Amino acid sequence: MQSQEELSALKQKQEQERKDEVLENVATVLLEYDGTGSDQELVKALDQKYDALKDKLLLEALKKQLGMFTGDRCLFSSQKEARSQAFIL
């Protein structure tokens, strides 16, 4: 068991780290590998997440491209309509 002085020193250290925005405890939790899964399981999970992210990005790109195409088509239609009205006048 830690003495009162050690606990007080630890408390002061943690308070100072919080003020300095040192997040050592968070980094330790996030970066620590406990070895519960095999390397193959880890690689498979990362591949699945990468594929899902890639699919999402491709879908967004296609939506943007389709939106631009649709916008161009509408613009083309309105230009065509404006020309036909100009010939009527």
C-alpha atoms as a PDB file:
ATOM      1  CA  MET A   1       0.000   0.000   0.000  1.00  0.00           C
ATOM      2  CA  GLN A   2       1.212   3.485  -0.829  1.00  0.00           C
ATOM      3  CA  SER A   3       1.874   6.034   1.846  1.00  0.00           C
ATOM      4  CA  GLN A   4      -0.027   9.291   2.129  1.00  0.00           C
ATOM      5  CA  GLU A   5       2.979  11.201   0.782  1.00  0.00           C
ATOM      6  CA  GLU A   6       3.248   8.960  -2.282  1.00  0.00           C
ATOM      7  CA  LEU A   7      -0.467   9.311  -2.992  1.00  0.00           C
ATOM      8  CA  SER A   8      -0.255  13.084  -2.614  1.00  0.00           C
ATOM      9  CA  ALA A   9       2.731  13.242  -4.988  1.00  0.00           C
ATOM     10  CA  LEU A  10       0.918  11.017  -7.506  1.00  0.00           C
ATOM     11  CA  LYS A  11      -2.185  13.222  -7.287  1.00  0.00           C
ATOM     12  CA  GLN A  12      -0.134  16.379  -7.916  1.00  0.00           C
ATOM     13  CA  LYS A  13       1.625  14.722 -10.856  1.00  0.00           C
ATOM     14  CA  GLN A  14      -1.684  13.671 -12.428  1.00  0.00           C
ATOM     15  CA  GLU A  15      -3.205  17.111 -11.913  1.00  0.00           C
ATOM     16  CA  GLN A  16      -0.209  18.743 -13.571  1.00  0.00           C
ATOM     17  CA  GLU A  17      -0.386  16.296 -16.484  1.00  0.00           C
ATOM     18  CA  ARG A  18      -4.071  17.123 -16.931  1.00  0.00           C
ATOM     19  CA  LYS A  19      -3.261  20.850 -17.001  1.00  0.00           C
ATOM     20  CA  ASP A  20      -0.458  20.214 -19.500  1.00  0.00           C
ATOM     21  CA  GLU A  21      -2.848  18.044 -21.542  1.00  0.00           C
ATOM     22  CA  VAL A  22      -0.567  15.035 -21.262  1.00  0.00           C
ATOM     23  CA  LEU A  23      -2.727  12.027 -22.023  1.00  0.00           C
ATOM     24  CA  GLU A  24      -0.356   9.213 -21.180  1.00  0.00           C
ATOM     25  CA  ASN A  25      -3.074   7.086 -19.596  1.00  0.00           C
ATOM     26  CA  VAL A  26      -5.297   7.381 -22.671  1.00  0.00           C
ATOM     27  CA  ALA A  27      -2.413   6.557 -24.990  1.00  0.00           C
ATOM     28  CA  THR A  28      -1.528   3.554 -22.855  1.00  0.00           C
ATOM     29  CA  VAL A  29      -5.056   2.190 -23.066  1.00  0.00           C
ATOM     30  CA  LEU A  30      -5.392   2.814 -26.806  1.00  0.00           C
ATOM     31  CA  LEU A  31      -1.975   1.567 -27.847  1.00  0.00           C
ATOM     32  CA  GLU A  32      -1.613  -1.372 -25.523  1.00  0.00           C
ATOM     33  CA  TYR A  33      -2.084  -4.726 -27.195  1.00  0.00           C
ATOM     34  CA  ASP A  34      -3.242  -7.385 -24.806  1.00  0.00           C
ATOM     35  CA  GLY A  35      -2.745 -10.233 -27.244  1.00  0.00           C
ATOM     36  CA  THR A  36      -6.276 -11.591 -27.020  1.00  0.00           C
ATOM     37  CA  GLY A  37      -6.488 -12.175 -30.769  1.00  0.00           C
ATOM     38  CA  SER A  38      -4.111 -13.715 -33.221  1.00  0.00           C
ATOM     39  CA  ASP A  39      -2.288 -11.662 -35.823  1.00  0.00           C
ATOM     40  CA  GLN A  40      -4.442 -13.227 -38.527  1.00  0.00           C
ATOM     41  CA  GLU A  41      -7.632 -12.134 -36.760  1.00  0.00           C
ATOM     42  CA  LEU A  42      -6.261  -8.632 -36.393  1.00  0.00           C
ATOM     43  CA  VAL A  43      -5.296  -8.430 -40.069  1.00  0.00           C
ATOM     44  CA  LYS A  44      -8.700  -9.795 -41.112  1.00  0.00           C
ATOM     45  CA  ALA A  45     -10.512  -7.210 -38.986  1.00  0.00           C
ATOM     46  CA  LEU A  46      -8.372  -4.400 -40.396  1.00  0.00           C
ATOM     47  CA  ASP A  47      -8.998  -5.626 -43.948  1.00  0.00           C
ATOM     48  CA  GLN A  48     -12.742  -5.627 -43.357  1.00  0.00           C
ATOM     49  CA  LYS A  49     -12.652  -2.110 -41.931  1.00  0.00           C
ATOM     50  CA  TYR A  50     -10.468  -0.917 -44.808  1.00  0.00           C
ATOM     51  CA  ASP A  51     -12.827  -2.475 -47.367  1.00  0.00           C
ATOM     52  CA  ALA A  52     -15.839  -0.855 -45.700  1.00  0.00           C
ATOM     53  CA  LEU A  53     -14.111   2.529 -45.712  1.00  0.00           C
ATOM     54  CA  LYS A  54     -13.068   2.113 -49.340  1.00  0.00           C
ATOM     55  CA  ASP A  55     -16.635   1.183 -50.328  1.00  0.00           C
ATOM     56  CA  LYS A  56     -17.990   4.224 -48.493  1.00  0.00           C
ATOM     57  CA  LEU A  57     -15.532   6.564 -50.214  1.00  0.00           C
ATOM     58  CA  LEU A  58     -16.305   5.081 -53.640  1.00  0.00           C
ATOM     59  CA  LEU A  59     -20.027   5.455 -53.010  1.00  0.00           C
ATOM     60  CA  GLU A  60     -19.582   9.096 -52.033  1.00  0.00           C
ATOM     61  CA  ALA A  61     -17.479   9.739 -55.142  1.00  0.00           C
ATOM     62  CA  LEU A  62     -20.117   8.120 -57.349  1.00  0.00           C
ATOM     63  CA  LYS A  63     -22.873  10.157 -55.714  1.00  0.00           C
ATOM     64  CA  LYS A  64     -20.914  13.359 -56.318  1.00  0.00           C
ATOM     65  CA  GLN A  65     -20.194  12.361 -59.907  1.00  0.00           C
ATOM     66  CA  LEU A  66     -23.836  11.477 -60.516  1.00  0.00           C
ATOM     67  CA  GLY A  67     -24.908  14.747 -58.933  1.00  0.00           C
ATOM     68  CA  MET A  68     -22.545  16.655 -61.185  1.00  0.00           C
ATOM     69  CA  PHE A  69     -23.806  14.710 -64.207  1.00  0.00           C
ATOM     70  CA  THR A  70     -27.408  15.401 -63.252  1.00  0.00           C
ATOM     71  CA  GLY A  71     -26.568  19.060 -62.716  1.00  0.00           C
ATOM     72  CA  ASP A  72     -24.810  19.235 -66.087  1.00  0.00           C
ATOM     73  CA  ARG A  73     -27.774  17.571 -67.729  1.00  0.00           C
ATOM     74  CA  CYS A  74     -30.144  20.092 -66.178  1.00  0.00           C
ATOM     75  CA  LEU A  75     -27.845  22.925 -67.208  1.00  0.00           C
ATOM     76  CA  PHE A  76     -27.670  21.540 -70.731  1.00  0.00           C
ATOM     77  CA  SER A  77     -31.477  21.267 -70.869  1.00  0.00           C
ATOM     78  CA  SER A  78     -31.920  24.845 -69.678  1.00  0.00           C
ATOM     79  CA  GLN A  79     -29.367  26.112 -72.224  1.00  0.00           C
ATOM     80  CA  LYS A  80     -31.130  24.185 -74.963  1.00  0.00           C
ATOM     81  CA  GLU A  81     -34.459  25.639 -73.861  1.00  0.00           C
ATOM     82  CA  ALA A  82     -33.013  29.170 -73.790  1.00  0.00           C
ATOM     83  CA  ARG A  83     -31.671  28.739 -77.341  1.00  0.00           C
ATOM     84  CA  SER A  84     -34.983  27.485 -78.635  1.00  0.00           C
ATOM     85  CA  GLN A  85     -36.765  30.479 -77.087  1.00  0.00           C
ATOM     86  CA  ALA A  86     -34.180  32.815 -78.622  1.00  0.00           C
ATOM     87  CA  PHE A  87     -34.942  31.427 -82.076  1.00  0.00           C
ATOM     88  CA  ILE A  88     -38.659  31.915 -81.538  1.00  0.00           C
ATOM     89  CA  LEU A  89     -38.206  35.604 -80.754  1.00  0.00           C
END
